[in-house]
Protein backbone atom coordinates (compact mmCIF):
# COMPACT_ATOMS: atom_id res chain seq x y z
CA MET A 1 105.17 90.70 95.98
CA PHE A 2 101.81 92.29 95.39
CA LEU A 3 100.61 90.94 92.08
CA PRO A 4 97.29 91.91 90.43
CA LEU A 5 95.38 88.80 91.48
CA GLN A 6 92.16 90.12 90.04
CA ILE A 7 93.78 89.81 86.63
CA ILE A 8 96.28 86.96 86.97
CA PRO A 9 94.90 83.49 87.84
CA TYR A 10 96.47 81.83 90.86
CA SER A 11 97.79 78.98 88.72
CA ILE A 12 99.72 81.48 86.61
CA ILE A 13 101.31 82.95 89.74
CA LEU A 14 102.57 79.53 90.76
CA TYR A 15 103.78 78.88 87.23
CA TYR A 16 105.54 82.24 87.22
CA PHE A 17 107.46 81.37 90.38
CA THR A 18 108.28 77.88 89.12
CA THR A 19 109.65 79.36 85.90
CA PHE A 20 111.98 81.66 87.78
CA PHE A 21 113.08 78.89 90.12
CA SER A 22 114.01 76.65 87.19
CA ASN A 23 115.85 79.31 85.13
CA ASN A 24 119.45 78.42 84.38
CA TYR A 25 118.86 74.90 85.67
CA ASN A 26 122.08 73.78 84.04
CA SER A 27 123.93 75.84 86.61
CA LEU A 28 122.90 73.29 89.24
CA ASN A 29 125.46 70.92 87.75
CA MET A 30 128.22 73.52 87.71
CA PRO A 31 130.60 74.37 90.54
CA ILE A 32 129.08 76.86 92.94
CA PRO A 33 131.21 80.01 93.09
CA THR A 34 132.71 80.81 96.46
CA ASN A 35 132.54 84.24 98.00
CA SER A 36 135.62 86.17 97.01
CA LYS A 37 135.42 88.15 100.25
CA SER A 38 135.18 85.89 103.26
CA ASN A 39 134.30 88.86 105.45
CA GLN A 40 131.31 89.85 103.32
CA VAL A 41 127.87 89.50 104.90
CA LYS A 42 125.22 89.03 102.24
CA ILE A 43 121.56 89.68 102.99
CA THR A 44 119.02 88.44 100.44
CA VAL A 45 115.48 89.82 100.35
CA ILE A 46 113.11 87.54 98.42
CA GLY A 47 110.11 89.61 97.44
CA ALA A 48 111.91 92.95 97.45
CA ALA A 49 109.45 94.63 95.07
CA GLY A 50 106.42 94.17 97.32
CA GLY A 51 104.99 96.51 99.91
CA ILE A 52 106.92 94.97 102.80
CA GLY A 53 109.98 94.17 100.70
CA GLN A 54 110.50 97.74 99.47
CA SER A 55 110.23 99.31 102.91
CA LEU A 56 112.37 96.60 104.48
CA SER A 57 115.04 96.98 101.80
CA LEU A 58 115.16 100.73 102.45
CA LEU A 59 115.64 100.16 106.19
CA LEU A 60 118.35 97.57 105.56
CA ARG A 61 120.09 99.89 103.10
CA THR A 62 120.05 102.92 105.38
CA SER A 63 120.00 101.78 108.99
CA LEU A 64 122.35 98.83 109.42
CA GLN A 65 125.55 99.63 111.27
CA ASN A 66 128.64 98.50 109.41
CA ASN A 67 132.15 98.08 110.72
CA ASN A 68 135.51 98.12 109.02
CA ASP A 69 135.88 94.34 109.04
CA ASN A 70 132.69 93.45 107.21
CA GLN A 71 131.25 94.56 103.91
CA LEU A 72 127.48 94.34 103.75
CA HIS A 73 125.83 93.20 100.53
CA LEU A 74 122.08 93.59 99.99
CA ALA A 75 120.76 91.30 97.23
CA LEU A 76 117.25 91.92 95.90
CA PHE A 77 115.07 89.30 94.20
CA ASP A 78 111.52 89.44 92.93
CA VAL A 79 109.61 87.85 90.07
CA ASN A 80 108.27 91.30 89.21
CA MET A 81 111.40 92.60 87.51
CA LYS A 82 109.70 95.72 86.19
CA VAL A 83 109.11 96.96 89.72
CA LEU A 84 112.35 95.51 91.07
CA ASN A 85 114.42 97.43 88.51
CA GLY A 86 112.87 100.62 89.81
CA VAL A 87 113.42 99.68 93.44
CA HIS A 88 117.06 98.86 92.73
CA ALA A 89 117.63 102.13 90.86
CA ASP A 90 116.00 104.10 93.66
CA LEU A 91 117.98 102.40 96.43
CA SER A 92 121.22 102.69 94.48
CA HIS A 93 121.06 106.47 94.90
CA VAL A 94 121.12 106.17 98.71
CA ASN A 95 124.60 107.15 99.92
CA THR A 96 125.48 104.27 102.24
CA ASN A 97 128.51 102.02 101.99
CA MET A 98 126.63 98.83 101.18
CA LYS A 99 126.92 96.72 98.07
CA LEU A 100 123.59 96.44 96.25
CA SER A 101 122.59 93.92 93.60
CA LEU A 102 119.39 92.79 91.90
CA HIS A 103 118.65 89.35 90.51
CA ASP A 104 116.14 87.83 88.11
CA ASN A 105 117.17 84.33 89.17
CA LEU A 106 116.39 83.12 92.67
CA ARG A 107 119.36 80.84 93.05
CA ASP A 108 121.80 83.55 92.00
CA SER A 109 120.43 85.78 94.76
CA LEU A 110 120.90 83.01 97.33
CA VAL A 111 124.46 81.92 96.52
CA ASP A 112 126.85 82.96 99.34
CA SER A 113 124.00 84.49 101.32
CA ASN A 114 124.33 84.68 105.11
CA LEU A 115 120.82 85.92 105.86
CA VAL A 116 117.71 85.32 103.76
CA ILE A 117 114.57 87.33 104.50
CA ILE A 118 111.33 86.20 102.85
CA PRO A 119 108.41 88.61 102.49
CA ALA A 120 107.53 86.90 99.19
CA GLY A 121 103.98 85.87 98.48
CA VAL A 122 100.60 87.41 97.90
CA PRO A 123 98.39 89.28 100.36
CA ARG A 124 94.86 88.18 101.01
CA LYS A 125 92.51 89.85 98.53
CA PRO A 126 88.73 90.27 98.61
CA GLY A 127 87.11 87.00 97.57
CA MET A 128 90.11 84.88 98.54
CA THR A 129 89.66 82.18 101.14
CA ARG A 130 92.39 81.38 103.66
CA ASP A 131 92.90 78.13 101.77
CA ASP A 132 93.52 80.12 98.58
CA LEU A 133 96.10 82.26 100.35
CA PHE A 134 97.82 79.28 101.93
CA ASN A 135 97.99 77.20 98.77
CA ILE A 136 99.54 80.01 96.74
CA ASN A 137 102.07 81.08 99.35
CA ALA A 138 102.90 77.52 100.40
CA GLY A 139 103.83 76.72 96.81
CA ILE A 140 106.09 79.77 96.73
CA ILE A 141 107.78 78.90 100.04
CA LYS A 142 108.28 75.29 98.98
CA GLY A 143 110.01 76.47 95.81
CA ILE A 144 112.28 78.79 97.78
CA ALA A 145 113.20 75.96 100.16
CA GLN A 146 114.09 73.70 97.25
CA GLU A 147 116.43 76.36 95.89
CA LEU A 148 118.04 76.88 99.30
CA ASN A 149 118.84 73.16 99.33
CA THR A 150 121.02 73.59 96.22
CA ILE A 151 123.50 76.14 97.60
CA ASP A 152 126.64 75.46 99.62
CA SER A 153 126.09 78.02 102.36
CA THR A 154 123.52 77.58 105.12
CA PRO A 155 122.11 81.05 105.79
CA PHE A 156 119.78 82.04 108.56
CA VAL A 157 116.26 82.28 107.14
CA LEU A 158 113.68 84.79 108.40
CA LEU A 159 110.13 84.13 107.22
CA ILE A 160 107.63 86.98 106.97
CA SER A 161 105.16 85.50 104.47
CA ASN A 162 101.73 84.62 105.82
CA PRO A 163 100.25 82.47 107.17
CA VAL A 164 103.47 82.06 109.20
CA ASN A 165 101.91 79.44 111.48
CA SER A 166 101.58 77.06 108.53
CA LEU A 167 104.36 78.26 106.23
CA LEU A 168 107.27 77.78 108.62
CA PRO A 169 106.36 74.07 108.90
CA VAL A 170 106.38 73.93 105.08
CA LEU A 171 109.76 75.65 104.91
CA GLN A 172 111.36 73.56 107.65
CA SER A 173 109.98 70.30 106.24
CA VAL A 174 111.34 70.87 102.74
CA LEU A 175 114.72 72.24 103.81
CA ASN A 176 117.61 69.89 104.50
CA ASP A 177 118.36 68.97 108.11
CA VAL A 178 121.29 71.42 108.22
CA TYR A 179 118.71 74.22 108.45
CA LEU A 180 117.26 72.96 111.73
CA GLY A 181 117.59 75.77 114.24
CA ARG A 182 118.35 78.32 111.51
CA CYS A 183 114.79 79.17 110.35
CA PHE A 184 112.60 81.66 112.18
CA GLY A 185 109.09 82.98 111.71
CA ILE A 186 109.05 86.71 112.39
CA THR A 187 106.37 87.55 114.95
CA GLU A 188 107.99 90.77 116.13
CA LEU A 189 105.06 92.86 114.90
CA ASP A 190 102.93 91.33 117.65
CA LEU A 191 105.45 92.54 120.24
CA VAL A 192 105.67 95.97 118.63
CA ARG A 193 101.90 96.36 118.67
CA ALA A 194 101.65 95.11 122.25
CA SER A 195 104.28 97.63 123.35
CA THR A 196 102.47 100.47 121.59
CA PHE A 197 99.04 99.57 122.94
CA VAL A 198 100.19 98.96 126.54
CA ASN A 199 102.10 102.24 126.48
CA GLY A 200 98.78 103.99 125.98
CA PHE A 201 97.77 102.90 129.47
CA MET A 202 100.99 104.08 131.12
CA ASP A 203 101.83 107.46 132.62
CA ASN A 204 105.32 108.13 131.30
CA SER A 205 105.19 111.88 131.83
CA ALA A 206 107.79 111.70 134.61
CA SER A 207 110.19 109.59 132.56
CA SER A 208 113.06 111.35 130.80
CA SER A 209 113.75 108.41 128.45
CA ASN A 210 112.09 107.49 125.20
CA GLU A 211 111.90 103.85 126.21
CA MET A 212 108.76 101.92 125.39
CA PRO A 213 107.45 99.05 127.50
CA TYR A 214 108.51 95.55 126.51
CA VAL A 215 105.54 93.21 126.24
CA PRO A 216 106.36 89.59 125.35
CA VAL A 217 104.01 87.80 122.98
CA ILE A 218 104.19 84.05 122.47
CA GLY A 219 102.23 81.31 120.67
CA GLY A 220 101.59 81.90 116.99
CA HIS A 221 101.19 84.78 114.59
CA SER A 222 97.50 85.03 113.75
CA GLY A 223 94.35 85.83 115.66
CA ASP A 224 93.73 83.75 118.76
CA THR A 225 97.07 81.93 118.43
CA ILE A 226 98.72 85.20 119.52
CA LEU A 227 99.18 85.19 123.31
CA PRO A 228 100.24 88.53 124.82
CA VAL A 229 101.95 87.88 128.16
CA LEU A 230 100.64 91.04 129.78
CA SER A 231 101.52 89.66 133.21
CA ASN A 232 105.26 89.84 132.49
CA CYS A 233 106.03 93.26 130.98
CA SER A 234 109.09 95.38 131.64
CA PHE A 235 109.98 99.06 131.55
CA ASN A 236 113.15 100.89 132.61
CA ASN A 237 114.70 97.63 133.83
CA SER A 238 111.73 96.86 136.07
CA THR A 239 109.07 94.23 135.54
CA PHE A 240 105.38 94.96 135.88
CA SER A 241 102.02 93.44 135.07
CA ALA A 242 99.65 95.23 132.72
CA TYR A 243 96.87 93.69 134.79
CA ASP A 244 97.89 96.09 137.57
CA LEU A 245 97.48 99.02 135.18
CA ILE A 246 94.14 97.83 133.84
CA SER A 247 91.90 96.40 136.54
CA ASP A 248 88.81 96.21 134.32
CA ASP A 249 88.43 92.68 132.88
CA VAL A 250 86.55 94.01 129.86
CA ALA A 251 89.36 96.46 129.09
CA ILE A 252 91.95 93.66 129.41
CA LYS A 253 90.04 91.47 126.98
CA LYS A 254 89.72 94.37 124.53
CA LEU A 255 93.48 94.97 124.77
CA VAL A 256 94.26 91.30 124.16
CA HIS A 257 91.89 91.25 121.18
CA ARG A 258 93.42 94.42 119.76
CA ILE A 259 96.91 92.91 119.91
CA GLN A 260 95.65 89.68 118.33
CA TYR A 261 93.74 91.38 115.53
CA GLY A 262 95.71 94.60 115.11
CA GLY A 263 96.24 93.83 111.45
CA ASP A 264 92.51 94.20 110.84
CA GLU A 265 92.68 97.83 112.00
CA VAL A 266 95.21 98.62 109.30
CA VAL A 267 93.34 96.79 106.55
CA GLN A 268 90.14 98.64 107.46
CA ALA A 269 91.94 101.99 107.67
CA LYS A 270 93.41 101.39 104.20
CA ASP A 271 89.91 100.52 102.98
CA GLY A 272 91.01 97.14 101.69
CA MET A 273 93.76 98.67 99.55
CA GLY A 274 96.63 97.32 101.61
CA SER A 275 97.75 95.72 104.83
CA ALA A 276 100.29 96.40 107.58
CA THR A 277 103.29 96.74 105.29
CA LEU A 278 105.12 99.58 107.04
CA SER A 279 104.87 98.31 110.61
CA MET A 280 105.72 94.80 109.39
CA ALA A 281 108.81 96.04 107.57
CA TYR A 282 109.92 97.94 110.67
CA SER A 283 109.39 94.89 112.87
CA ALA A 284 111.26 92.63 110.46
CA PHE A 285 114.13 95.11 110.37
CA LEU A 286 114.44 94.97 114.16
CA VAL A 287 114.92 91.22 113.91
CA ALA A 288 117.24 91.40 110.90
CA LYS A 289 119.44 93.93 112.70
CA LYS A 290 120.03 91.44 115.51
CA PHE A 291 121.08 88.74 113.07
CA VAL A 292 123.42 91.11 111.25
CA GLN A 293 125.06 91.97 114.58
CA LEU A 294 125.57 88.25 115.13
CA LEU A 295 126.90 87.65 111.61
CA THR A 296 129.33 90.57 111.83
CA ASN A 297 130.65 89.33 115.20
CA GLN A 298 129.42 92.37 117.09
CA VAL A 299 127.82 89.90 119.51
CA SER A 300 128.33 86.19 120.12
CA SER A 301 124.63 85.44 120.55
CA ILE A 302 121.23 87.09 120.33
CA ASP A 303 117.97 86.63 122.23
CA GLY A 304 114.47 87.17 120.98
CA ILE A 305 110.99 85.77 120.63
CA PHE A 306 110.61 83.95 117.32
CA TYR A 307 108.26 81.33 115.89
CA ILE A 308 110.53 78.27 115.81
CA PRO A 309 110.48 74.48 115.71
CA LEU A 310 110.67 72.97 119.18
CA THR A 311 111.51 69.54 117.77
CA THR A 312 113.62 67.83 115.17
CA LYS A 313 111.98 66.77 111.91
CA ASP A 314 110.40 63.71 113.48
CA TRP A 315 108.18 66.39 115.11
CA ASN A 316 108.65 64.67 118.45
CA SER A 317 112.27 64.80 119.67
CA PRO A 318 113.32 68.10 121.34
CA LEU A 319 115.36 70.39 119.11
CA VAL A 320 117.70 71.36 121.96
CA ASP A 321 117.99 69.98 125.48
CA ASN A 322 115.83 72.52 127.28
CA ALA A 323 113.04 72.25 124.68
CA GLN A 324 112.10 69.13 126.64
CA SER A 325 110.80 71.34 129.45
CA VAL A 326 108.75 73.46 127.04
CA LEU A 327 106.94 70.76 125.05
CA PRO A 328 104.68 69.46 127.88
CA LEU A 329 103.67 73.04 128.68
CA VAL A 330 102.40 73.61 125.13
CA GLN A 331 100.70 70.27 124.47
CA ASN A 332 103.75 69.10 122.46
CA VAL A 333 103.07 71.36 119.48
CA PRO A 334 106.19 71.15 117.27
CA PHE A 335 106.23 74.90 116.46
CA PHE A 336 105.76 77.78 118.88
CA SER A 337 106.75 81.41 119.25
CA ILE A 338 108.96 81.60 122.32
CA LYS A 339 112.08 83.27 123.65
CA CYS A 340 115.28 81.61 122.51
CA THR A 341 119.01 82.21 122.23
CA VAL A 342 120.73 82.01 118.84
CA ASN A 343 124.46 81.76 118.18
CA SER A 344 126.39 81.31 114.95
CA LYS A 345 125.35 77.65 114.77
CA GLY A 346 121.64 78.34 115.27
CA ILE A 347 119.23 77.98 118.19
CA SER A 348 121.23 77.06 121.29
CA GLN A 349 118.65 77.50 124.04
CA ILE A 350 114.89 77.79 124.42
CA ASP A 351 113.62 79.64 127.49
CA PRO A 352 110.47 78.16 129.08
CA THR A 353 110.12 80.94 131.67
CA LEU A 354 107.35 82.92 129.98
CA VAL A 355 105.15 79.84 129.57
CA GLN A 356 105.88 78.63 133.09
CA ASN A 357 104.95 81.98 134.65
CA LEU A 358 101.66 82.71 132.87
CA ASN A 359 98.92 83.95 135.17
CA ASN A 360 95.67 82.03 135.54
CA TYR A 361 93.83 83.87 132.77
CA GLU A 362 96.68 83.43 130.31
CA ARG A 363 97.23 79.77 131.20
CA GLU A 364 93.64 78.61 131.49
CA SER A 365 91.92 80.72 128.82
CA LEU A 366 94.34 82.14 126.26
CA LEU A 367 96.87 79.31 126.01
CA PRO A 368 94.48 76.38 125.32
CA THR A 369 92.69 78.35 122.59
CA ALA A 370 95.99 79.35 121.03
CA LEU A 371 97.36 75.80 121.08
CA ASN A 372 94.28 74.20 119.52
CA GLN A 373 94.31 76.59 116.57
CA LEU A 374 98.08 76.50 116.28
CA GLN A 375 98.18 72.72 116.03
CA ALA A 376 95.62 72.83 113.22
CA ASN A 377 97.70 75.45 111.39
CA ILE A 378 100.85 73.36 111.79
CA ASP A 379 99.10 70.24 110.53
CA THR A 380 98.02 72.14 107.41
CA GLY A 381 101.62 73.06 106.68
CA LEU A 382 103.06 69.61 107.34
CA THR A 383 100.39 67.97 105.17
CA PHE A 384 101.18 70.30 102.27
CA ALA A 385 104.92 69.70 102.58
CA SER A 386 104.46 65.94 102.49
CA LYS A 387 102.70 65.99 99.10
């Protein structure tokens, strides 16, 4: 939700969200309605009127594959109802067989939801410090988590709002324990950028496919916490190292930096008038599509790299059995972006392979820097959540 921060004080923004969260509070003491269609898959977008939310909602509305056994329902929520009404009207003219609803009450949008996607929050504006951005968005995420705790269903939750490194700890801390293994920070944009940038170094002229290279990115989702695993790329079912493509150390470091700070390119290109909303919406859609395939029983499990908790809420005990092998490799940070497997119950496996197989540069230079900053980001989130 892109609100005019130069006009509206930050305290008013928080009050605005709190007001919407508390609307119809009497309904909390009423029976929660059950979904009349057990085969309905409901996707809720919180922040649907913003730059990311609008583009993401369009992709969800037009590009999700449906089957005869499941009806898809896209529910839109935003505190900016003036814009949301327009978004809803616009999307309602798109001729796809998907139920569409808009909501001025957060809880109503969440009831019976199977998948909640959160691009809600404010972007960083000129004159804002990172602390300003965090405090505003952390308050918003905390309020959303509190509302999620009041509904009967336990949806998967995909977090887009920044700073993800700190906000997922806020979200996971406030949510009830039933959400452990069901909340994910979306870092897919880092992988999308890495694929695009590495592809620029490849000679694909002889290839008849439109396939792009797969470049895993682990760690966190900002600056130096982003760790591109250029040593373990794949293309056309074959693995390769980008270090073999780019022998110049200076060029490698420039590529790593470009992946880590790709968002700055977009902000500069938009002359401070926006951020990476389109590429972020596309990346979030790629992740959402996987979860919809899982929820509609097209697949029994999905794999992907997501920013996830590695531990339970004591921030020490492994979340799943094989997380035990990951924690020592990442200095026991409780949150990390890593490959995992997700089934209908949540995270079932965490794959340590990428961390185990880092090359010397990635392990000795990139990883320690990423972990130090990531731990500080996590601590910021956990401290806020404990207040």
